[in-house]
C-alpha atoms as a PDB file:
ATOM      1  CA  ASP A   1      -1.747  16.236   6.580  1.00  0.00           C
ATOM      2  CA  ILE A   2      -4.465  14.235   7.869  1.00  0.00           C
ATOM      3  CA  ASP A   3      -5.931  13.589   4.826  1.00  0.00           C
ATOM      4  CA  LEU A   4      -3.268  12.497   3.616  1.00  0.00           C
ATOM      5  CA  ASN A   5      -1.771  10.365   6.706  1.00  0.00           C
ATOM      6  CA  ILE A   6      -5.374   9.015   6.745  1.00  0.00           C
ATOM      7  CA  TYR A   7      -5.406   7.713   3.163  1.00  0.00           C
ATOM      8  CA  LYS A   8      -1.811   6.552   3.723  1.00  0.00           C
ATOM      9  CA  ALA A   9      -3.128   4.194   6.144  1.00  0.00           C
ATOM     10  CA  MET A  10      -6.382   3.471   4.677  1.00  0.00           C
ATOM     11  CA  VAL A  11      -4.153   2.069   1.337  1.00  0.00           C
ATOM     12  CA  SER A  12      -2.046   0.199   3.520  1.00  0.00           C
ATOM     13  CA  HIS A  13      -5.392  -1.597   5.188  1.00  0.00           C
ATOM     14  CA  ALA A  14      -6.308  -2.554   2.115  1.00  0.00           C
ATOM     15  CA  ILE A  15      -3.167  -4.182   1.275  1.00  0.00           C
ATOM     16  CA  SER A  16      -3.204  -5.614   4.717  1.00  0.00           C
ATOM     17  CA  GLN A  17      -6.492  -7.427   3.725  1.00  0.00           C
ATOM     18  CA  LYS A  18      -5.188  -9.536   1.203  1.00  0.00           C
ATOM     19  CA  PHE A  19      -2.369 -10.429   2.942  1.00  0.00           C
ATOM     20  CA  PHE A  20      -2.049 -13.612   4.259  1.00  0.00           C
ATOM     21  CA  ASP A  21       1.370 -15.050   6.502  1.00  0.00           C
ATOM     22  CA  THR A  22       1.311 -11.676   8.483  1.00  0.00           C
ATOM     23  CA  ASP A  23       3.278 -13.503  11.663  1.00  0.00           C
ATOM     24  CA  ARG A  24       6.353 -14.154   9.476  1.00  0.00           C
ATOM     25  CA  PHE A  25       7.076 -10.779   8.467  1.00  0.00           C
ATOM     26  CA  SER A  26       6.621  -9.305  11.716  1.00  0.00           C
ATOM     27  CA  GLY A  27       8.496  -6.237  12.165  1.00  0.00           C
ATOM     28  CA  LYS A  28       9.506  -6.372   8.375  1.00  0.00           C
ATOM     29  CA  THR A  29       8.738  -3.371   6.242  1.00  0.00           C
ATOM     30  CA  CYS A  30       8.885  -3.122   2.450  1.00  0.00           C
ATOM     31  CA  ASP A  31       8.904   0.511   0.295  1.00  0.00           C
ATOM     32  CA  LEU A  32       6.685   0.037  -2.327  1.00  0.00           C
ATOM     33  CA  HIS A  33       6.482   2.767  -5.371  1.00  0.00           C
ATOM     34  CA  ILE A  34       3.053   3.457  -6.361  1.00  0.00           C
ATOM     35  CA  LYS A  35       0.993   4.440  -9.584  1.00  0.00           C
ATOM     36  CA  LEU A  36      -2.650   5.377  -8.755  1.00  0.00           C
ATOM     37  CA  ALA A  37      -5.555   6.264 -11.088  1.00  0.00           C
ATOM     38  CA  SER A  38      -7.774   9.193  -9.652  1.00  0.00           C
ATOM     39  CA  ASP A  39      -9.992   6.537  -8.517  1.00  0.00           C
ATOM     40  CA  GLY A  40      -7.544   4.458  -6.832  1.00  0.00           C
ATOM     41  CA  MET A  41      -7.165   1.855  -9.314  1.00  0.00           C
ATOM     42  CA  LEU A  42      -3.566   0.676  -9.199  1.00  0.00           C
ATOM     43  CA  ILE A  43      -1.552   1.350 -12.239  1.00  0.00           C
ATOM     44  CA  SER A  44       1.726   0.056 -11.162  1.00  0.00           C
ATOM     45  CA  ILE A  45       3.405  -1.126  -7.986  1.00  0.00           C
ATOM     46  CA  ILE A  46       7.031  -1.644  -7.907  1.00  0.00           C
ATOM     47  CA  PRO A  47       8.818  -2.632  -4.328  1.00  0.00           C
ATOM     48  CA  SER A  48      11.872  -0.577  -4.334  1.00  0.00           C
ATOM     49  CA  ARG A  49      13.836  -1.547  -0.671  1.00  0.00           C
ATOM     50  CA  GLY A  50      13.019  -4.080   2.173  1.00  0.00           C
ATOM     51  CA  ASP A  51      12.711  -7.727   2.803  1.00  0.00           C
ATOM     52  CA  PRO A  52      12.862  -9.353  -0.702  1.00  0.00           C
ATOM     53  CA  ASP A  53      10.239 -11.822   0.584  1.00  0.00           C
ATOM     54  CA  LEU A  54       7.736  -9.341   1.849  1.00  0.00           C
ATOM     55  CA  CYS A  55       8.467  -7.216  -1.357  1.00  0.00           C
ATOM     56  CA  GLN A  56       6.935  -9.973  -3.410  1.00  0.00           C
ATOM     57  CA  ALA A  57       3.900 -10.780  -1.047  1.00  0.00           C
ATOM     58  CA  ALA A  58       2.897  -6.921  -0.549  1.00  0.00           C
ATOM     59  CA  VAL A  59       3.240  -6.870  -4.592  1.00  0.00           C
ATOM     60  CA  LEU A  60       0.765  -9.989  -4.623  1.00  0.00           C
ATOM     61  CA  ALA A  61      -1.627  -8.563  -1.950  1.00  0.00           C
ATOM     62  CA  ALA A  62      -1.586  -5.023  -3.595  1.00  0.00           C
ATOM     63  CA  LYS A  63      -2.460  -5.946  -6.943  1.00  0.00           C
ATOM     64  CA  LEU A  64      -5.598  -8.395  -5.317  1.00  0.00           C
ATOM     65  CA  ALA A  65      -6.535  -5.298  -3.181  1.00  0.00           C
ATOM     66  CA  THR A  66      -9.342  -2.958  -3.504  1.00  0.00           C
ATOM     67  CA  ILE A  67      -7.530   0.411  -3.086  1.00  0.00           C
ATOM     68  CA  PRO A  68      -9.882   3.430  -1.877  1.00  0.00           C
ATOM     69  CA  LYS A  69     -10.400   6.355  -3.989  1.00  0.00           C
ATOM     70  CA  PRO A  70      -8.334   9.256  -2.929  1.00  0.00           C
ATOM     71  CA  PRO A  71     -10.761  11.400  -0.788  1.00  0.00           C
ATOM     72  CA  ASN A  72      -9.698  14.604  -2.614  1.00  0.00           C
ATOM     73  CA  LEU A  73      -7.985  16.324  -5.699  1.00  0.00           C
ATOM     74  CA  GLN A  74      -5.067  17.208  -3.463  1.00  0.00           C
ATOM     75  CA  VAL A  75      -4.332  13.673  -1.836  1.00  0.00           C
ATOM     76  CA  TYR A  76      -4.616  12.326  -5.102  1.00  0.00           C
ATOM     77  CA  GLU A  77      -1.463  14.576  -6.491  1.00  0.00           C
ATOM     78  CA  ILE A  78       0.266  13.721  -3.696  1.00  0.00           C
ATOM     79  CA  VAL A  79      -0.224   9.646  -4.017  1.00  0.00           C
ATOM     80  CA  LYS A  80      -0.614   9.408  -7.655  1.00  0.00           C
ATOM     81  CA  ASN A  81       3.427   8.658  -7.862  1.00  0.00           C
ATOM     82  CA  ALA A  82       3.990   7.738  -4.002  1.00  0.00           C
ATOM     83  CA  THR A  83       6.427   5.643  -2.429  1.00  0.00           C
ATOM     84  CA  LEU A  84       4.861   3.550   0.590  1.00  0.00           C
ATOM     85  CA  VAL A  85       6.158   1.892   3.420  1.00  0.00           C
ATOM     86  CA  PHE A  86       4.372  -0.965   3.870  1.00  0.00           C
ATOM     87  CA  SER A  87       4.518  -3.270   6.924  1.00  0.00           C
ATOM     88  CA  PRO A  88       1.727  -6.205   6.888  1.00  0.00           C
ATOM     89  CA  GLN A  89      -1.057  -5.536   9.784  1.00  0.00           C
ATOM     90  CA  SER A  90      -2.890  -8.469  11.338  1.00  0.00           C
ATOM     91  CA  ILE A  91      -6.548  -7.623  10.410  1.00  0.00           C
ATOM     92  CA  LYS A  92      -8.961  -8.562  13.133  1.00  0.00           C
END
């Protein structure tokens, strides 16, 4: 679903904006299990697997990030309790 893919990219971007030291974690990933409210508010975030240092940094970044509101109810139903594979991106 295109809306879902775009929204997941927006969430990753929002986390990346609060993420520092991206070069250190280049090529590494962390699976983040997220629970979101319908307005995009982060209810909980639990790292499930991946690089432990990256996971710790990603959880901190996610808590600081402003997660965008899901674009519609269908996307919200999928992402309200989802796993996001996070890989830090350099924000230019």
